[in-house]
Amino acid sequence: MVDITGKGITQRTAKAAGSILLGPDAFGALKRGACPKGDVLATAKVAAIQAVKSTPATIPMCHPILIEGVEVDFVLDEPGETVGVTVAVKSTGKTGVEMEALCGVAGACLTIYDMLKYTGKGMTIDRIRLIEKTGGRRGDYKRPD
């Protein structure tokens, strides 16, 4: 692990996004609320938050940090049969929260897959990426696309 002892404490934020292409059967089940396992998006939101908080247990070189805020948003694209996922994370500390935001998106997408896989296994998780981050020695970042 990188030694962060000498780093200053600053406000850190990160936003990540991704999507899952469901297909007609899974998207229809999601829209109807017909999943036998329960409310798909409510469960995926909880999974995203849990994934954010558990990042150091999954990513070996991540420091355990205090998470001060998590926002999870979903956008349903009916023509594309896709669910877009965005996770924003806030912390005040010595290291960034990019990995936490990315893990949150992955956790939400994987949970959606798990809950809807009974409709078929052809779903595709796609384009998990960092959108922006603030704070820290290297400054802010905003993805150009």
N, C-alpha and C. Protein backbone atom coordinates (compact mmCIF):
# COMPACT_ATOMS: atom_id res chain seq x y z
N MET A 1 0.84 -1.19 0.00
CA MET A 1 0.00 0.00 0.00
C MET A 1 0.88 1.24 0.00
N VAL A 2 0.39 2.27 -0.63
CA VAL A 2 1.10 3.54 -0.66
C VAL A 2 0.97 4.21 0.72
N ASP A 3 2.07 4.77 1.20
CA ASP A 3 2.07 5.47 2.48
C ASP A 3 1.46 6.86 2.27
N ILE A 4 0.34 7.13 2.92
CA ILE A 4 -0.33 8.43 2.78
C ILE A 4 -0.17 9.30 4.02
N THR A 5 0.75 8.92 4.89
CA THR A 5 0.94 9.65 6.15
C THR A 5 1.14 11.14 5.93
N GLY A 6 1.95 11.52 4.96
CA GLY A 6 2.28 12.92 4.74
C GLY A 6 1.28 13.70 3.92
N LYS A 7 0.23 13.06 3.43
CA LYS A 7 -0.75 13.76 2.60
C LYS A 7 -1.69 14.58 3.46
N GLY A 8 -2.15 15.69 2.89
CA GLY A 8 -3.09 16.55 3.60
C GLY A 8 -4.52 16.04 3.50
N ILE A 9 -5.31 16.44 4.47
CA ILE A 9 -6.72 16.08 4.48
C ILE A 9 -7.49 17.11 3.66
N THR A 10 -8.22 16.62 2.66
CA THR A 10 -9.04 17.50 1.82
C THR A 10 -10.37 16.83 1.54
N GLN A 11 -11.34 17.63 1.11
CA GLN A 11 -12.62 17.07 0.68
C GLN A 11 -12.40 16.35 -0.65
N ARG A 12 -12.90 15.14 -0.76
CA ARG A 12 -12.76 14.32 -1.97
C ARG A 12 -14.14 13.94 -2.47
N THR A 13 -14.31 14.01 -3.78
CA THR A 13 -15.54 13.51 -4.40
C THR A 13 -15.17 12.74 -5.65
N ALA A 14 -16.03 11.82 -6.02
CA ALA A 14 -15.87 11.10 -7.29
C ALA A 14 -17.24 10.67 -7.77
N LYS A 15 -17.40 10.70 -9.09
CA LYS A 15 -18.63 10.22 -9.71
C LYS A 15 -18.23 9.23 -10.79
N ALA A 16 -18.88 8.07 -10.77
CA ALA A 16 -18.65 7.03 -11.78
C ALA A 16 -19.99 6.65 -12.39
N ALA A 17 -19.92 6.08 -13.58
CA ALA A 17 -21.14 5.67 -14.27
C ALA A 17 -20.89 4.38 -15.03
N GLY A 18 -21.96 3.73 -15.37
CA GLY A 18 -21.92 2.51 -16.18
C GLY A 18 -23.34 2.18 -16.59
N SER A 19 -23.50 1.09 -17.29
CA SER A 19 -24.84 0.70 -17.72
C SER A 19 -24.92 -0.81 -17.85
N ILE A 20 -26.15 -1.27 -17.89
CA ILE A 20 -26.40 -2.69 -18.14
C ILE A 20 -27.50 -2.79 -19.19
N LEU A 21 -27.16 -3.45 -20.28
CA LEU A 21 -28.11 -3.72 -21.36
C LEU A 21 -28.88 -4.97 -20.97
N LEU A 22 -30.19 -4.84 -20.80
CA LEU A 22 -30.99 -5.93 -20.27
C LEU A 22 -31.58 -6.84 -21.34
N GLY A 23 -32.06 -6.28 -22.42
CA GLY A 23 -32.83 -7.05 -23.38
C GLY A 23 -34.31 -6.94 -23.06
N PRO A 24 -35.18 -7.37 -23.98
CA PRO A 24 -36.62 -7.13 -23.83
C PRO A 24 -37.26 -7.83 -22.64
N ASP A 25 -36.90 -9.07 -22.37
CA ASP A 25 -37.55 -9.80 -21.28
C ASP A 25 -37.17 -9.22 -19.92
N ALA A 26 -35.88 -8.98 -19.71
CA ALA A 26 -35.43 -8.43 -18.43
C ALA A 26 -35.94 -7.01 -18.24
N PHE A 27 -35.90 -6.20 -19.30
CA PHE A 27 -36.38 -4.82 -19.16
C PHE A 27 -37.87 -4.81 -18.86
N GLY A 28 -38.61 -5.68 -19.52
CA GLY A 28 -40.05 -5.78 -19.25
C GLY A 28 -40.33 -6.19 -17.81
N ALA A 29 -39.59 -7.17 -17.31
CA ALA A 29 -39.77 -7.60 -15.92
C ALA A 29 -39.45 -6.47 -14.95
N LEU A 30 -38.39 -5.73 -15.25
CA LEU A 30 -38.03 -4.59 -14.40
C LEU A 30 -39.15 -3.54 -14.40
N LYS A 31 -39.65 -3.20 -15.56
CA LYS A 31 -40.71 -2.19 -15.67
C LYS A 31 -42.00 -2.63 -14.97
N ARG A 32 -42.31 -3.92 -15.05
CA ARG A 32 -43.53 -4.44 -14.43
C ARG A 32 -43.38 -4.66 -12.93
N GLY A 33 -42.15 -4.64 -12.43
CA GLY A 33 -41.92 -4.96 -11.03
C GLY A 33 -42.18 -6.42 -10.75
N ALA A 34 -41.84 -7.27 -11.74
CA ALA A 34 -42.20 -8.68 -11.68
C ALA A 34 -41.06 -9.58 -11.22
N CYS A 35 -40.03 -9.05 -10.63
CA CYS A 35 -38.90 -9.87 -10.21
C CYS A 35 -39.23 -10.63 -8.93
N PRO A 36 -39.08 -11.96 -8.94
CA PRO A 36 -39.39 -12.74 -7.74
C PRO A 36 -38.50 -12.41 -6.54
N LYS A 37 -37.31 -11.86 -6.80
CA LYS A 37 -36.40 -11.53 -5.70
C LYS A 37 -36.74 -10.19 -5.03
N GLY A 38 -37.64 -9.40 -5.63
CA GLY A 38 -38.02 -8.13 -5.02
C GLY A 38 -37.76 -6.94 -5.92
N ASP A 39 -37.73 -5.77 -5.31
CA ASP A 39 -37.56 -4.50 -6.02
C ASP A 39 -36.12 -4.39 -6.52
N VAL A 40 -35.94 -4.48 -7.82
CA VAL A 40 -34.60 -4.54 -8.42
C VAL A 40 -33.80 -3.27 -8.14
N LEU A 41 -34.36 -2.12 -8.42
CA LEU A 41 -33.59 -0.88 -8.29
C LEU A 41 -33.34 -0.51 -6.83
N ALA A 42 -34.29 -0.78 -5.95
CA ALA A 42 -34.06 -0.52 -4.52
C ALA A 42 -32.93 -1.40 -4.00
N THR A 43 -32.94 -2.66 -4.41
CA THR A 43 -31.88 -3.58 -3.98
C THR A 43 -30.54 -3.18 -4.59
N ALA A 44 -30.54 -2.77 -5.85
CA ALA A 44 -29.30 -2.34 -6.51
C ALA A 44 -28.73 -1.09 -5.86
N LYS A 45 -29.59 -0.21 -5.38
CA LYS A 45 -29.12 0.99 -4.68
C LYS A 45 -28.41 0.61 -3.38
N VAL A 46 -29.01 -0.28 -2.62
CA VAL A 46 -28.38 -0.75 -1.38
C VAL A 46 -27.07 -1.47 -1.70
N ALA A 47 -27.05 -2.26 -2.76
CA ALA A 47 -25.83 -2.97 -3.16
C ALA A 47 -24.73 -1.99 -3.54
N ALA A 48 -25.08 -0.91 -4.22
CA ALA A 48 -24.09 0.10 -4.59
C ALA A 48 -23.47 0.72 -3.35
N ILE A 49 -24.30 1.08 -2.39
CA ILE A 49 -23.80 1.68 -1.15
C ILE A 49 -22.92 0.69 -0.40
N GLN A 50 -23.35 -0.55 -0.33
CA GLN A 50 -22.55 -1.59 0.33
C GLN A 50 -21.22 -1.79 -0.39
N ALA A 51 -21.23 -1.78 -1.71
CA ALA A 51 -19.99 -1.95 -2.48
C ALA A 51 -19.03 -0.78 -2.24
N VAL A 52 -19.57 0.44 -2.17
CA VAL A 52 -18.74 1.61 -1.87
C VAL A 52 -18.04 1.40 -0.53
N LYS A 53 -18.80 1.03 0.48
CA LYS A 53 -18.24 0.88 1.83
C LYS A 53 -17.29 -0.30 1.95
N SER A 54 -17.42 -1.29 1.07
CA SER A 54 -16.60 -2.50 1.14
C SER A 54 -15.42 -2.50 0.17
N THR A 55 -15.17 -1.40 -0.50
CA THR A 55 -14.12 -1.36 -1.52
C THR A 55 -12.77 -1.89 -1.04
N PRO A 56 -12.27 -1.50 0.14
CA PRO A 56 -10.96 -2.02 0.56
C PRO A 56 -10.91 -3.54 0.74
N ALA A 57 -12.07 -4.17 0.94
CA ALA A 57 -12.11 -5.63 1.06
C ALA A 57 -12.02 -6.30 -0.31
N THR A 58 -12.33 -5.55 -1.36
CA THR A 58 -12.33 -6.09 -2.72
C THR A 58 -11.08 -5.71 -3.50
N ILE A 59 -10.63 -4.48 -3.35
CA ILE A 59 -9.47 -3.96 -4.08
C ILE A 59 -8.30 -3.93 -3.10
N PRO A 60 -7.32 -4.80 -3.27
CA PRO A 60 -6.29 -5.01 -2.24
C PRO A 60 -5.51 -3.78 -1.80
N MET A 61 -5.20 -2.85 -2.68
CA MET A 61 -4.35 -1.72 -2.31
C MET A 61 -5.13 -0.45 -1.96
N CYS A 62 -6.45 -0.56 -1.80
CA CYS A 62 -7.27 0.59 -1.41
C CYS A 62 -7.22 0.77 0.11
N HIS A 63 -7.05 2.02 0.52
CA HIS A 63 -7.07 2.34 1.94
C HIS A 63 -8.52 2.35 2.45
N PRO A 64 -8.75 1.84 3.65
CA PRO A 64 -10.08 2.02 4.25
C PRO A 64 -10.27 3.50 4.59
N ILE A 65 -11.36 4.08 4.14
CA ILE A 65 -11.58 5.51 4.37
C ILE A 65 -12.99 5.74 4.90
N LEU A 66 -13.18 6.90 5.50
CA LEU A 66 -14.49 7.28 6.00
C LEU A 66 -15.34 7.79 4.84
N ILE A 67 -16.44 7.13 4.59
CA ILE A 67 -17.36 7.56 3.53
C ILE A 67 -18.39 8.48 4.17
N GLU A 68 -18.51 9.68 3.64
CA GLU A 68 -19.42 10.67 4.23
C GLU A 68 -20.71 10.84 3.46
N GLY A 69 -20.76 10.35 2.23
CA GLY A 69 -21.98 10.46 1.45
C GLY A 69 -21.91 9.63 0.19
N VAL A 70 -23.05 9.02 -0.16
CA VAL A 70 -23.17 8.24 -1.40
C VAL A 70 -24.51 8.57 -2.03
N GLU A 71 -24.50 8.90 -3.31
CA GLU A 71 -25.73 9.09 -4.08
C GLU A 71 -25.73 8.09 -5.22
N VAL A 72 -26.85 7.42 -5.40
CA VAL A 72 -27.00 6.42 -6.46
C VAL A 72 -28.20 6.83 -7.31
N ASP A 73 -27.99 6.90 -8.62
CA ASP A 73 -29.07 7.27 -9.53
C ASP A 73 -29.16 6.25 -10.66
N PHE A 74 -30.40 6.00 -11.08
CA PHE A 74 -30.66 5.09 -12.20
C PHE A 74 -31.44 5.85 -13.27
N VAL A 75 -31.12 5.57 -14.53
CA VAL A 75 -31.87 6.11 -15.66
C VAL A 75 -32.28 4.93 -16.53
N LEU A 76 -33.59 4.78 -16.73
CA LEU A 76 -34.09 3.71 -17.58
C LEU A 76 -34.25 4.23 -19.01
N ASP A 77 -33.60 3.55 -19.94
CA ASP A 77 -33.67 3.88 -21.36
C ASP A 77 -34.50 2.78 -22.02
N GLU A 78 -35.80 3.02 -22.14
CA GLU A 78 -36.70 1.99 -22.66
C GLU A 78 -36.37 1.58 -24.09
N PRO A 79 -36.15 2.53 -25.03
CA PRO A 79 -35.82 2.09 -26.39
C PRO A 79 -34.54 1.26 -26.45
N GLY A 80 -33.57 1.60 -25.62
CA GLY A 80 -32.31 0.86 -25.60
C GLY A 80 -32.30 -0.33 -24.67
N GLU A 81 -33.40 -0.52 -23.90
CA GLU A 81 -33.52 -1.62 -22.93
C GLU A 81 -32.32 -1.64 -21.98
N THR A 82 -31.92 -0.45 -21.53
CA THR A 82 -30.71 -0.27 -20.74
C THR A 82 -31.04 0.46 -19.44
N VAL A 83 -30.30 0.13 -18.39
CA VAL A 83 -30.34 0.91 -17.15
C VAL A 83 -28.98 1.58 -16.99
N GLY A 84 -28.98 2.90 -16.91
CA GLY A 84 -27.77 3.65 -16.61
C GLY A 84 -27.64 3.80 -15.11
N VAL A 85 -26.42 3.66 -14.61
CA VAL A 85 -26.15 3.76 -13.17
C VAL A 85 -25.09 4.83 -12.95
N THR A 86 -25.35 5.73 -12.00
CA THR A 86 -24.37 6.73 -11.60
C THR A 86 -24.23 6.68 -10.09
N VAL A 87 -22.99 6.68 -9.62
CA VAL A 87 -22.71 6.68 -8.18
C VAL A 87 -21.75 7.82 -7.88
N ALA A 88 -22.13 8.67 -6.92
CA ALA A 88 -21.28 9.77 -6.46
C ALA A 88 -20.92 9.53 -5.00
N VAL A 89 -19.64 9.72 -4.67
CA VAL A 89 -19.14 9.44 -3.32
C VAL A 89 -18.44 10.68 -2.79
N LYS A 90 -18.62 10.95 -1.49
CA LYS A 90 -17.95 12.08 -0.82
C LYS A 90 -17.21 11.58 0.41
N SER A 91 -16.05 12.20 0.65
CA SER A 91 -15.25 11.89 1.82
C SER A 91 -14.34 13.07 2.12
N THR A 92 -13.88 13.15 3.34
CA THR A 92 -12.83 14.10 3.71
C THR A 92 -11.68 13.26 4.23
N GLY A 93 -10.55 13.29 3.53
CA GLY A 93 -9.45 12.44 3.94
C GLY A 93 -8.20 12.66 3.13
N LYS A 94 -7.32 11.66 3.21
CA LYS A 94 -6.00 11.75 2.58
C LYS A 94 -5.91 11.06 1.23
N THR A 95 -6.95 10.36 0.84
CA THR A 95 -6.91 9.64 -0.43
C THR A 95 -8.27 9.72 -1.10
N GLY A 96 -8.28 9.58 -2.41
CA GLY A 96 -9.49 9.78 -3.20
C GLY A 96 -10.50 8.67 -3.08
N VAL A 97 -11.67 8.91 -3.67
CA VAL A 97 -12.78 7.97 -3.59
C VAL A 97 -13.19 7.44 -4.97
N GLU A 98 -12.26 7.51 -5.94
CA GLU A 98 -12.58 7.03 -7.28
C GLU A 98 -12.91 5.54 -7.30
N MET A 99 -12.10 4.74 -6.62
CA MET A 99 -12.33 3.29 -6.63
C MET A 99 -13.66 2.95 -5.95
N GLU A 100 -14.01 3.70 -4.92
CA GLU A 100 -15.28 3.47 -4.24
C GLU A 100 -16.45 3.74 -5.17
N ALA A 101 -16.39 4.83 -5.93
CA ALA A 101 -17.47 5.14 -6.88
C ALA A 101 -17.57 4.07 -7.96
N LEU A 102 -16.42 3.65 -8.49
CA LEU A 102 -16.41 2.60 -9.52
C LEU A 102 -16.96 1.28 -8.98
N CYS A 103 -16.57 0.92 -7.76
CA CYS A 103 -17.09 -0.31 -7.15
C CYS A 103 -18.59 -0.21 -6.92
N GLY A 104 -19.07 0.97 -6.57
CA GLY A 104 -20.50 1.16 -6.39
C GLY A 104 -21.29 0.90 -7.66
N VAL A 105 -20.79 1.42 -8.78
CA VAL A 105 -21.44 1.18 -10.07
C VAL A 105 -21.43 -0.31 -10.40
N ALA A 106 -20.29 -0.95 -10.22
CA ALA A 106 -20.19 -2.39 -10.51
C ALA A 106 -21.14 -3.18 -9.62
N GLY A 107 -21.21 -2.83 -8.34
CA GLY A 107 -22.11 -3.54 -7.42
C GLY A 107 -23.56 -3.41 -7.82
N ALA A 108 -23.97 -2.21 -8.24
CA ALA A 108 -25.35 -2.00 -8.68
C ALA A 108 -25.64 -2.81 -9.94
N CYS A 109 -24.74 -2.74 -10.92
CA CYS A 109 -24.96 -3.47 -12.19
C CYS A 109 -24.99 -4.98 -11.96
N LEU A 110 -24.09 -5.48 -11.15
CA LEU A 110 -24.07 -6.92 -10.87
C LEU A 110 -25.34 -7.37 -10.14
N THR A 111 -25.85 -6.53 -9.27
CA THR A 111 -27.09 -6.86 -8.56
C THR A 111 -28.28 -6.88 -9.51
N ILE A 112 -28.34 -5.92 -10.41
CA ILE A 112 -29.40 -5.92 -11.42
C ILE A 112 -29.33 -7.20 -12.24
N TYR A 113 -28.12 -7.57 -12.66
CA TYR A 113 -27.94 -8.82 -13.41
C TYR A 113 -28.45 -10.01 -12.59
N ASP A 114 -28.00 -10.09 -11.34
CA ASP A 114 -28.39 -11.22 -10.49
C ASP A 114 -29.90 -11.32 -10.33
N MET A 115 -30.55 -10.21 -10.13
CA MET A 115 -31.98 -10.24 -9.87
C MET A 115 -32.82 -10.52 -11.11
N LEU A 116 -32.26 -10.23 -12.30
CA LEU A 116 -33.02 -10.43 -13.53
C LEU A 116 -32.51 -11.58 -14.39
N LYS A 117 -31.52 -12.32 -13.91
CA LYS A 117 -30.94 -13.39 -14.73
C LYS A 117 -31.93 -14.51 -15.02
N TYR A 118 -33.00 -14.60 -14.25
CA TYR A 118 -34.01 -15.62 -14.52
C TYR A 118 -34.69 -15.39 -15.87
N THR A 119 -34.60 -14.17 -16.41
CA THR A 119 -35.20 -13.87 -17.71
C THR A 119 -34.28 -14.24 -18.87
N GLY A 120 -33.02 -14.50 -18.57
CA GLY A 120 -32.03 -14.85 -19.59
C GLY A 120 -30.66 -14.35 -19.17
N LYS A 121 -29.64 -14.98 -19.70
CA LYS A 121 -28.27 -14.67 -19.28
C LYS A 121 -27.54 -13.73 -20.24
N GLY A 122 -28.24 -13.14 -21.20
CA GLY A 122 -27.58 -12.33 -22.23
C GLY A 122 -27.38 -10.87 -21.89
N MET A 123 -27.57 -10.48 -20.65
CA MET A 123 -27.37 -9.08 -20.27
C MET A 123 -25.89 -8.71 -20.36
N THR A 124 -25.61 -7.44 -20.64
CA THR A 124 -24.23 -6.96 -20.79
C THR A 124 -24.00 -5.74 -19.91
N ILE A 125 -23.01 -5.83 -19.03
CA ILE A 125 -22.57 -4.69 -18.23
C ILE A 125 -21.52 -3.96 -19.05
N ASP A 126 -21.66 -2.63 -19.15
CA ASP A 126 -20.86 -1.90 -20.13
C ASP A 126 -20.42 -0.53 -19.60
N ARG A 127 -19.27 -0.07 -20.08
CA ARG A 127 -18.76 1.29 -19.92
C ARG A 127 -18.70 1.79 -18.48
N ILE A 128 -18.22 0.98 -17.56
CA ILE A 128 -17.99 1.48 -16.21
C ILE A 128 -16.77 2.37 -16.26
N ARG A 129 -16.97 3.64 -15.82
CA ARG A 129 -15.90 4.62 -15.98
C ARG A 129 -16.03 5.73 -14.94
N LEU A 130 -14.89 6.38 -14.68
CA LEU A 130 -14.87 7.55 -13.82
C LEU A 130 -15.34 8.76 -14.63
N ILE A 131 -16.30 9.51 -14.12
CA ILE A 131 -16.83 10.69 -14.80
C ILE A 131 -16.09 11.94 -14.33
N GLU A 132 -15.92 12.06 -13.02
CA GLU A 132 -15.20 13.21 -12.47
C GLU A 132 -14.73 12.91 -11.06
N LYS A 133 -13.72 13.69 -10.64
CA LYS A 133 -13.25 13.61 -9.26
C LYS A 133 -12.73 14.97 -8.86
N THR A 134 -12.83 15.27 -7.56
CA THR A 134 -12.31 16.52 -7.03
C THR A 134 -11.49 16.24 -5.79
N GLY A 135 -10.57 17.17 -5.51
CA GLY A 135 -9.76 17.09 -4.30
C GLY A 135 -8.45 16.37 -4.54
N GLY A 136 -7.55 16.60 -3.62
CA GLY A 136 -6.27 15.90 -3.67
C GLY A 136 -5.18 16.70 -4.36
N ARG A 137 -3.99 16.18 -4.23
CA ARG A 137 -2.78 16.84 -4.73
C ARG A 137 -2.78 16.99 -6.25
N ARG A 138 -3.32 16.02 -6.96
CA ARG A 138 -3.30 16.06 -8.43
C ARG A 138 -4.42 16.90 -9.02
N GLY A 139 -5.30 17.42 -8.18
CA GLY A 139 -6.35 18.31 -8.66
C GLY A 139 -7.58 17.58 -9.17
N ASP A 140 -8.41 18.33 -9.82
CA ASP A 140 -9.70 17.81 -10.29
C ASP A 140 -9.56 17.14 -11.65
N TYR A 141 -10.53 16.28 -11.95
CA TYR A 141 -10.57 15.58 -13.24
C TYR A 141 -12.02 15.56 -13.69
N LYS A 142 -12.23 15.80 -14.96
CA LYS A 142 -13.55 15.65 -15.57
C LYS A 142 -13.37 14.95 -16.90
N ARG A 143 -14.04 13.82 -17.05
CA ARG A 143 -13.94 13.05 -18.29
C ARG A 143 -14.44 13.90 -19.46
N PRO A 144 -13.70 13.94 -20.56
CA PRO A 144 -14.08 14.82 -21.66
C PRO A 144 -15.32 14.39 -22.44
N ASP A 145 -15.68 13.12 -22.43
CA ASP A 145 -16.84 12.70 -23.24
C ASP A 145 -18.11 12.68 -22.46
